[in-house]
């Protein structure tokens, strides 16, 4: 049940990425285009918001090591291609389209890169975060 609800939410957020009002977030990442596609306060959880962020990597692209807002729980789903990811000191894992991973508050994202040197890749990261935390990513 929870998986089907999350799948529906991620599908809706992915479709939201196509809206004309989407705007790019500031980033220092190499080859990564980061676009906020959804931002909504949670009416039943005062002080919390849900934000959807589309991350697009060109062939061989990557994001520099980073952390996220201290309150952020993140659930990321690969929409296209392959994404290599390492959270904290865990192993580097490759996720393919349709696969997901999560990050807990305080986690360090040491590796986030396109798994291909020839094809683009995209992921949708859904943040549950304190509403007053506007910056979502902090380079290491």
N, C-alpha and C. Protein backbone atom coordinates (compact mmCIF):
# COMPACT_ATOMS: atom_id res chain seq x y z
N UNK A 1 0.82 -1.19 0.00
CA UNK A 1 0.00 0.00 0.00
C UNK A 1 0.86 1.25 0.00
N UNK A 2 1.82 1.32 0.94
CA UNK A 2 2.69 2.48 1.02
C UNK A 2 3.48 2.63 -0.28
N UNK A 3 3.96 1.51 -0.83
CA UNK A 3 4.74 1.57 -2.07
C UNK A 3 3.89 2.13 -3.21
N UNK A 4 2.62 1.73 -3.31
CA UNK A 4 1.77 2.23 -4.39
C UNK A 4 1.47 3.71 -4.21
N UNK A 5 1.31 4.16 -2.97
CA UNK A 5 1.08 5.59 -2.71
C UNK A 5 2.33 6.38 -3.09
N UNK A 6 3.51 5.88 -2.68
CA UNK A 6 4.76 6.57 -3.04
C UNK A 6 4.96 6.58 -4.54
N UNK A 7 4.68 5.48 -5.22
CA UNK A 7 4.82 5.43 -6.67
C UNK A 7 3.93 6.46 -7.32
N UNK A 8 2.70 6.58 -6.87
CA UNK A 8 1.77 7.57 -7.43
C UNK A 8 2.28 8.98 -7.17
N UNK A 9 2.81 9.21 -5.97
CA UNK A 9 3.33 10.55 -5.64
C UNK A 9 4.52 10.90 -6.51
N UNK A 10 5.43 9.94 -6.72
CA UNK A 10 6.61 10.21 -7.54
C UNK A 10 6.23 10.41 -9.00
N UNK A 11 5.25 9.66 -9.47
CA UNK A 11 4.79 9.85 -10.84
C UNK A 11 4.21 11.25 -11.01
N UNK A 12 3.41 11.67 -10.06
CA UNK A 12 2.83 13.02 -10.12
C UNK A 12 3.92 14.08 -10.08
N UNK A 13 4.93 13.88 -9.24
CA UNK A 13 6.01 14.84 -9.17
C UNK A 13 6.83 14.86 -10.46
N UNK A 14 7.05 13.71 -11.06
CA UNK A 14 7.79 13.66 -12.32
C UNK A 14 7.04 14.40 -13.41
N UNK A 15 5.73 14.25 -13.44
CA UNK A 15 4.93 14.98 -14.43
C UNK A 15 4.97 16.47 -14.17
N UNK A 16 5.04 16.84 -12.90
CA UNK A 16 5.13 18.25 -12.55
C UNK A 16 6.39 18.89 -13.11
N UNK A 17 7.43 18.09 -13.34
CA UNK A 17 8.69 18.61 -13.86
C UNK A 17 8.52 19.28 -15.21
N UNK A 18 7.48 18.93 -15.91
CA UNK A 18 7.27 19.49 -17.24
C UNK A 18 6.61 20.86 -17.22
N UNK A 19 6.17 21.30 -16.07
CA UNK A 19 5.46 22.58 -16.03
C UNK A 19 6.39 23.73 -16.36
N UNK A 20 5.82 24.74 -16.99
CA UNK A 20 6.62 25.87 -17.43
C UNK A 20 7.14 26.72 -16.29
N UNK A 21 6.52 26.65 -15.13
CA UNK A 21 6.93 27.49 -14.01
C UNK A 21 8.06 26.91 -13.18
N UNK A 22 8.56 25.73 -13.54
CA UNK A 22 9.66 25.14 -12.79
C UNK A 22 10.87 26.07 -12.89
N UNK A 23 11.65 26.13 -11.80
CA UNK A 23 12.82 27.00 -11.84
C UNK A 23 14.05 26.27 -11.33
N UNK A 24 15.21 26.71 -11.83
CA UNK A 24 16.47 26.07 -11.47
C UNK A 24 16.94 26.55 -10.10
N UNK A 25 17.52 25.64 -9.33
CA UNK A 25 18.14 25.98 -8.05
C UNK A 25 19.60 26.30 -8.29
N UNK A 26 20.17 27.11 -7.39
CA UNK A 26 21.60 27.38 -7.48
C UNK A 26 22.34 26.08 -7.22
N UNK A 27 23.40 25.85 -7.98
CA UNK A 27 24.19 24.65 -7.77
C UNK A 27 25.63 24.92 -8.19
N UNK A 28 26.56 24.28 -7.53
CA UNK A 28 27.96 24.36 -7.93
C UNK A 28 28.37 23.03 -8.54
N UNK A 29 27.43 22.16 -8.78
CA UNK A 29 27.72 20.81 -9.25
C UNK A 29 28.12 20.80 -10.72
N UNK A 30 28.96 19.87 -11.07
CA UNK A 30 29.46 19.70 -12.42
C UNK A 30 28.45 18.93 -13.25
N UNK A 31 27.97 19.56 -14.30
CA UNK A 31 27.08 18.91 -15.26
C UNK A 31 25.69 18.60 -14.72
N UNK A 32 25.42 18.85 -13.47
CA UNK A 32 24.10 18.53 -12.92
C UNK A 32 23.20 19.75 -13.05
N UNK A 33 22.03 19.54 -13.63
CA UNK A 33 21.01 20.59 -13.67
C UNK A 33 19.99 20.22 -12.60
N UNK A 34 19.76 21.13 -11.67
CA UNK A 34 18.88 20.87 -10.54
C UNK A 34 17.70 21.82 -10.63
N UNK A 35 16.49 21.25 -10.69
CA UNK A 35 15.28 22.05 -10.86
C UNK A 35 14.26 21.71 -9.79
N UNK A 36 13.80 22.72 -9.05
CA UNK A 36 12.72 22.53 -8.09
C UNK A 36 11.42 22.41 -8.88
N UNK A 37 10.73 21.28 -8.75
CA UNK A 37 9.51 21.06 -9.53
C UNK A 37 8.25 21.03 -8.67
N UNK A 38 8.43 20.99 -7.34
CA UNK A 38 7.28 20.91 -6.45
C UNK A 38 7.69 21.42 -5.08
N UNK A 39 6.86 22.26 -4.48
CA UNK A 39 7.11 22.77 -3.13
C UNK A 39 5.76 23.01 -2.47
N UNK A 40 5.45 22.23 -1.45
CA UNK A 40 4.13 22.33 -0.83
C UNK A 40 4.24 22.08 0.67
N UNK A 41 3.68 22.99 1.47
CA UNK A 41 3.62 22.76 2.91
C UNK A 41 2.67 21.61 3.20
N UNK A 42 3.02 20.77 4.16
CA UNK A 42 2.17 19.64 4.53
C UNK A 42 1.12 20.12 5.52
N UNK A 43 -0.15 20.11 5.13
CA UNK A 43 -1.19 20.68 5.98
C UNK A 43 -1.40 19.92 7.29
N UNK A 44 -1.06 18.63 7.31
CA UNK A 44 -1.27 17.84 8.51
C UNK A 44 -0.01 17.67 9.35
N UNK A 45 1.09 18.33 8.92
CA UNK A 45 2.34 18.29 9.68
C UNK A 45 2.89 19.71 9.73
N UNK A 46 2.42 20.51 10.68
CA UNK A 46 2.84 21.91 10.75
C UNK A 46 4.36 22.06 10.78
N UNK A 47 4.85 23.00 9.98
CA UNK A 47 6.28 23.28 9.94
C UNK A 47 7.07 22.42 8.98
N UNK A 48 6.40 21.48 8.31
CA UNK A 48 7.08 20.60 7.35
C UNK A 48 6.56 20.84 5.94
N UNK A 49 7.44 20.65 4.97
CA UNK A 49 7.09 20.77 3.55
C UNK A 49 7.62 19.57 2.79
N UNK A 50 7.05 19.33 1.62
CA UNK A 50 7.54 18.33 0.68
C UNK A 50 8.00 19.09 -0.55
N UNK A 51 9.22 18.77 -1.00
CA UNK A 51 9.79 19.44 -2.18
C UNK A 51 10.32 18.37 -3.12
N UNK A 52 9.96 18.51 -4.37
CA UNK A 52 10.45 17.62 -5.41
C UNK A 52 11.53 18.32 -6.21
N UNK A 53 12.66 17.65 -6.39
CA UNK A 53 13.79 18.22 -7.11
C UNK A 53 14.20 17.25 -8.22
N UNK A 54 14.19 17.75 -9.45
CA UNK A 54 14.63 16.97 -10.60
C UNK A 54 16.12 17.23 -10.81
N UNK A 55 16.93 16.16 -10.83
CA UNK A 55 18.37 16.28 -11.06
C UNK A 55 18.68 15.58 -12.37
N UNK A 56 19.26 16.35 -13.30
CA UNK A 56 19.58 15.83 -14.62
C UNK A 56 21.10 15.85 -14.83
N UNK A 57 21.65 14.70 -15.20
CA UNK A 57 23.08 14.56 -15.45
C UNK A 57 23.31 14.32 -16.93
N UNK A 58 24.25 15.08 -17.51
CA UNK A 58 24.70 14.78 -18.86
C UNK A 58 25.57 13.54 -18.82
N UNK A 59 25.93 13.01 -19.98
CA UNK A 59 26.84 11.86 -20.01
C UNK A 59 28.11 12.14 -19.19
N UNK A 60 28.44 11.23 -18.28
CA UNK A 60 29.61 11.40 -17.43
C UNK A 60 29.47 12.47 -16.37
N UNK A 61 28.30 13.06 -16.22
CA UNK A 61 28.09 14.14 -15.26
C UNK A 61 28.03 13.64 -13.83
N UNK A 62 28.22 14.57 -12.91
CA UNK A 62 28.19 14.21 -11.49
C UNK A 62 27.88 15.44 -10.65
N UNK A 63 27.58 15.20 -9.39
CA UNK A 63 27.42 16.24 -8.39
C UNK A 63 28.57 16.09 -7.40
N UNK A 64 29.10 17.20 -6.95
CA UNK A 64 30.15 17.17 -5.93
C UNK A 64 29.58 16.60 -4.63
N UNK A 65 30.47 16.08 -3.78
CA UNK A 65 30.04 15.57 -2.47
C UNK A 65 29.27 16.66 -1.74
N UNK A 66 28.20 16.25 -1.05
CA UNK A 66 27.34 17.24 -0.40
C UNK A 66 26.54 16.62 0.74
N UNK A 67 25.96 17.50 1.54
CA UNK A 67 24.96 17.13 2.54
C UNK A 67 23.71 17.93 2.21
N UNK A 68 22.65 17.66 2.95
CA UNK A 68 21.39 18.35 2.71
C UNK A 68 20.94 19.06 3.99
N UNK A 69 19.87 19.80 3.87
CA UNK A 69 19.30 20.49 5.03
C UNK A 69 19.22 19.51 6.20
N UNK A 70 19.51 20.01 7.40
CA UNK A 70 19.61 19.13 8.57
C UNK A 70 18.33 18.39 8.89
N UNK A 71 17.18 18.89 8.47
CA UNK A 71 15.92 18.22 8.75
C UNK A 71 15.47 17.30 7.62
N UNK A 72 16.21 17.25 6.52
CA UNK A 72 15.73 16.60 5.29
C UNK A 72 15.78 15.08 5.34
N UNK A 73 14.63 14.46 5.07
CA UNK A 73 14.56 13.05 4.70
C UNK A 73 14.33 13.05 3.20
N UNK A 74 15.12 12.27 2.46
CA UNK A 74 15.08 12.29 1.00
C UNK A 74 14.81 10.89 0.48
N UNK A 75 13.89 10.82 -0.48
CA UNK A 75 13.60 9.58 -1.19
C UNK A 75 13.80 9.87 -2.66
N UNK A 76 14.80 9.24 -3.27
CA UNK A 76 15.16 9.51 -4.66
C UNK A 76 14.81 8.32 -5.54
N UNK A 77 14.25 8.63 -6.71
CA UNK A 77 13.90 7.61 -7.69
C UNK A 77 14.57 7.95 -9.02
N UNK A 78 15.24 6.98 -9.61
CA UNK A 78 15.87 7.18 -10.90
C UNK A 78 14.78 7.12 -11.97
N UNK A 79 14.69 8.18 -12.77
CA UNK A 79 13.68 8.26 -13.82
C UNK A 79 14.20 7.79 -15.17
N UNK A 80 15.49 7.98 -15.39
CA UNK A 80 16.09 7.67 -16.69
C UNK A 80 17.56 7.33 -16.48
N UNK A 81 18.06 6.34 -17.19
CA UNK A 81 19.48 6.00 -17.14
C UNK A 81 19.88 5.29 -15.87
N UNK A 82 21.13 5.51 -15.47
CA UNK A 82 21.71 4.89 -14.28
C UNK A 82 22.39 5.94 -13.43
N UNK A 83 22.22 5.85 -12.13
CA UNK A 83 22.83 6.79 -11.19
C UNK A 83 23.69 6.00 -10.21
N UNK A 84 24.94 6.44 -10.05
CA UNK A 84 25.81 5.88 -9.02
C UNK A 84 25.65 6.75 -7.77
N UNK A 85 25.52 6.10 -6.62
CA UNK A 85 25.28 6.83 -5.38
C UNK A 85 26.03 6.17 -4.22
N UNK A 86 26.57 7.02 -3.36
CA UNK A 86 27.16 6.55 -2.11
C UNK A 86 26.67 7.45 -0.99
N UNK A 87 26.08 6.86 0.03
CA UNK A 87 25.61 7.60 1.19
C UNK A 87 26.48 7.23 2.38
N UNK A 88 27.03 8.26 3.03
CA UNK A 88 27.97 8.09 4.15
C UNK A 88 29.14 7.22 3.70
N UNK A 89 29.53 6.23 4.48
CA UNK A 89 30.66 5.38 4.12
C UNK A 89 30.21 4.05 3.51
N UNK A 90 28.96 4.00 3.06
CA UNK A 90 28.45 2.79 2.45
C UNK A 90 29.08 2.55 1.09
N UNK A 91 28.73 1.44 0.48
CA UNK A 91 29.29 1.13 -0.84
C UNK A 91 28.69 2.04 -1.92
N UNK A 92 29.42 2.22 -3.00
CA UNK A 92 28.88 2.91 -4.17
C UNK A 92 27.95 1.92 -4.87
N UNK A 93 26.70 2.32 -5.05
CA UNK A 93 25.71 1.46 -5.69
C UNK A 93 25.22 2.12 -6.96
N UNK A 94 24.85 1.30 -7.94
CA UNK A 94 24.28 1.80 -9.18
C UNK A 94 22.79 1.49 -9.18
N UNK A 95 21.99 2.54 -9.38
CA UNK A 95 20.53 2.42 -9.43
C UNK A 95 20.08 2.69 -10.86
N UNK A 96 19.15 1.87 -11.34
CA UNK A 96 18.64 2.01 -12.70
C UNK A 96 17.23 2.59 -12.67
N UNK A 97 16.75 3.01 -13.82
CA UNK A 97 15.41 3.60 -13.93
C UNK A 97 14.39 2.74 -13.18
N UNK A 98 13.62 3.40 -12.32
CA UNK A 98 12.60 2.72 -11.52
C UNK A 98 13.07 2.34 -10.13
N UNK A 99 14.37 2.35 -9.89
CA UNK A 99 14.90 2.00 -8.57
C UNK A 99 15.04 3.25 -7.70
N UNK A 100 15.02 3.05 -6.38
CA UNK A 100 15.03 4.16 -5.44
C UNK A 100 16.02 3.94 -4.31
N UNK A 101 16.37 5.03 -3.65
CA UNK A 101 17.18 4.98 -2.44
C UNK A 101 16.78 6.16 -1.56
N UNK A 102 17.21 6.12 -0.30
CA UNK A 102 16.85 7.21 0.60
C UNK A 102 18.07 7.72 1.34
N UNK A 103 17.92 8.93 1.88
CA UNK A 103 18.95 9.55 2.71
C UNK A 103 18.26 10.09 3.96
N UNK A 104 18.88 9.88 5.10
CA UNK A 104 18.34 10.34 6.37
C UNK A 104 18.92 11.71 6.72
N UNK A 105 18.27 12.45 7.62
CA UNK A 105 18.83 13.73 8.05
C UNK A 105 20.27 13.53 8.54
N UNK A 106 21.16 14.40 8.06
CA UNK A 106 22.57 14.34 8.46
C UNK A 106 23.45 13.46 7.60
N UNK A 107 22.87 12.68 6.68
CA UNK A 107 23.68 11.83 5.82
C UNK A 107 24.54 12.66 4.88
N UNK A 108 25.68 12.09 4.50
CA UNK A 108 26.60 12.71 3.53
C UNK A 108 26.47 11.93 2.23
N UNK A 109 26.27 12.66 1.14
CA UNK A 109 26.15 12.05 -0.18
C UNK A 109 27.50 12.23 -0.87
N UNK A 110 28.37 11.22 -0.75
CA UNK A 110 29.73 11.31 -1.25
C UNK A 110 29.84 11.14 -2.75
N UNK A 111 29.00 10.29 -3.33
CA UNK A 111 29.01 10.06 -4.77
C UNK A 111 27.59 10.19 -5.28
N UNK A 112 27.41 10.99 -6.32
CA UNK A 112 26.16 11.09 -7.05
C UNK A 112 26.54 11.40 -8.48
N UNK A 113 26.45 10.41 -9.35
CA UNK A 113 26.94 10.60 -10.71
C UNK A 113 26.14 9.76 -11.71
N UNK A 114 26.26 10.17 -12.95
CA UNK A 114 25.68 9.40 -14.04
C UNK A 114 26.50 8.13 -14.20
N UNK A 115 25.84 7.00 -14.32
CA UNK A 115 26.53 5.73 -14.50
C UNK A 115 27.00 5.50 -15.93
N UNK A 116 26.70 6.42 -16.82
CA UNK A 116 27.06 6.26 -18.23
C UNK A 116 27.88 7.44 -18.72
N UNK A 117 28.83 7.17 -19.58
CA UNK A 117 29.61 8.22 -20.23
C UNK A 117 28.98 8.67 -21.54
N UNK A 118 27.91 7.98 -21.97
CA UNK A 118 27.33 8.27 -23.29
C UNK A 118 25.86 8.66 -23.27
N UNK A 119 25.15 8.37 -22.18
CA UNK A 119 23.72 8.64 -22.12
C UNK A 119 23.40 9.53 -20.92
N UNK A 120 22.36 10.36 -21.02
CA UNK A 120 21.95 11.19 -19.87
C UNK A 120 21.26 10.35 -18.80
N UNK A 121 21.12 10.92 -17.62
CA UNK A 121 20.41 10.27 -16.52
C UNK A 121 19.63 11.33 -15.74
N UNK A 122 18.51 10.90 -15.15
CA UNK A 122 17.67 11.80 -14.35
C UNK A 122 17.21 11.09 -13.09
N UNK A 123 17.10 11.87 -12.03
CA UNK A 123 16.47 11.34 -10.82
C UNK A 123 15.57 12.40 -10.23
N UNK A 124 14.56 11.94 -9.52
CA UNK A 124 13.66 12.81 -8.79
C UNK A 124 13.91 12.58 -7.31
N UNK A 125 14.33 13.64 -6.61
CA UNK A 125 14.55 13.57 -5.17
C UNK A 125 13.40 14.28 -4.47
N UNK A 126 12.72 13.56 -3.59
CA UNK A 126 11.61 14.13 -2.84
C UNK A 126 12.09 14.35 -1.41
N UNK A 127 12.04 15.61 -0.99
CA UNK A 127 12.50 16.02 0.34
C UNK A 127 11.30 16.23 1.25
N UNK A 128 11.34 15.71 2.45
CA UNK A 128 10.45 16.12 3.53
C UNK A 128 11.38 16.90 4.46
N UNK A 129 11.08 18.19 4.62
CA UNK A 129 12.03 19.10 5.23
C UNK A 129 11.28 20.17 6.04
N UNK A 130 11.97 20.74 7.04
CA UNK A 130 11.40 21.88 7.75
C UNK A 130 11.11 22.99 6.75
N UNK A 131 9.93 23.55 6.79
CA UNK A 131 9.51 24.58 5.84
C UNK A 131 10.46 25.76 5.82
N UNK A 132 11.01 26.13 6.97
CA UNK A 132 11.89 27.30 7.01
C UNK A 132 13.29 27.04 6.46
N UNK A 133 13.64 25.81 6.16
CA UNK A 133 14.94 25.50 5.56
C UNK A 133 14.81 25.60 4.04
N UNK A 134 15.25 26.72 3.48
CA UNK A 134 15.11 26.95 2.05
C UNK A 134 16.25 26.34 1.24
N UNK A 135 17.47 26.39 1.75
CA UNK A 135 18.60 25.77 1.07
C UNK A 135 18.52 24.27 1.31
N UNK A 136 18.61 23.49 0.24
CA UNK A 136 18.48 22.04 0.37
C UNK A 136 19.80 21.30 0.28
N UNK A 137 20.81 21.89 -0.36
CA UNK A 137 22.07 21.21 -0.61
C UNK A 137 23.25 22.08 -0.22
N UNK A 138 24.25 21.46 0.43
CA UNK A 138 25.44 22.16 0.89
C UNK A 138 26.68 21.39 0.42
N UNK A 139 27.51 21.99 -0.44
CA UNK A 139 28.71 21.31 -0.91
C UNK A 139 29.66 20.98 0.25
N UNK A 140 30.41 19.92 0.12
CA UNK A 140 31.41 19.53 1.14
C UNK A 140 32.76 20.05 0.75
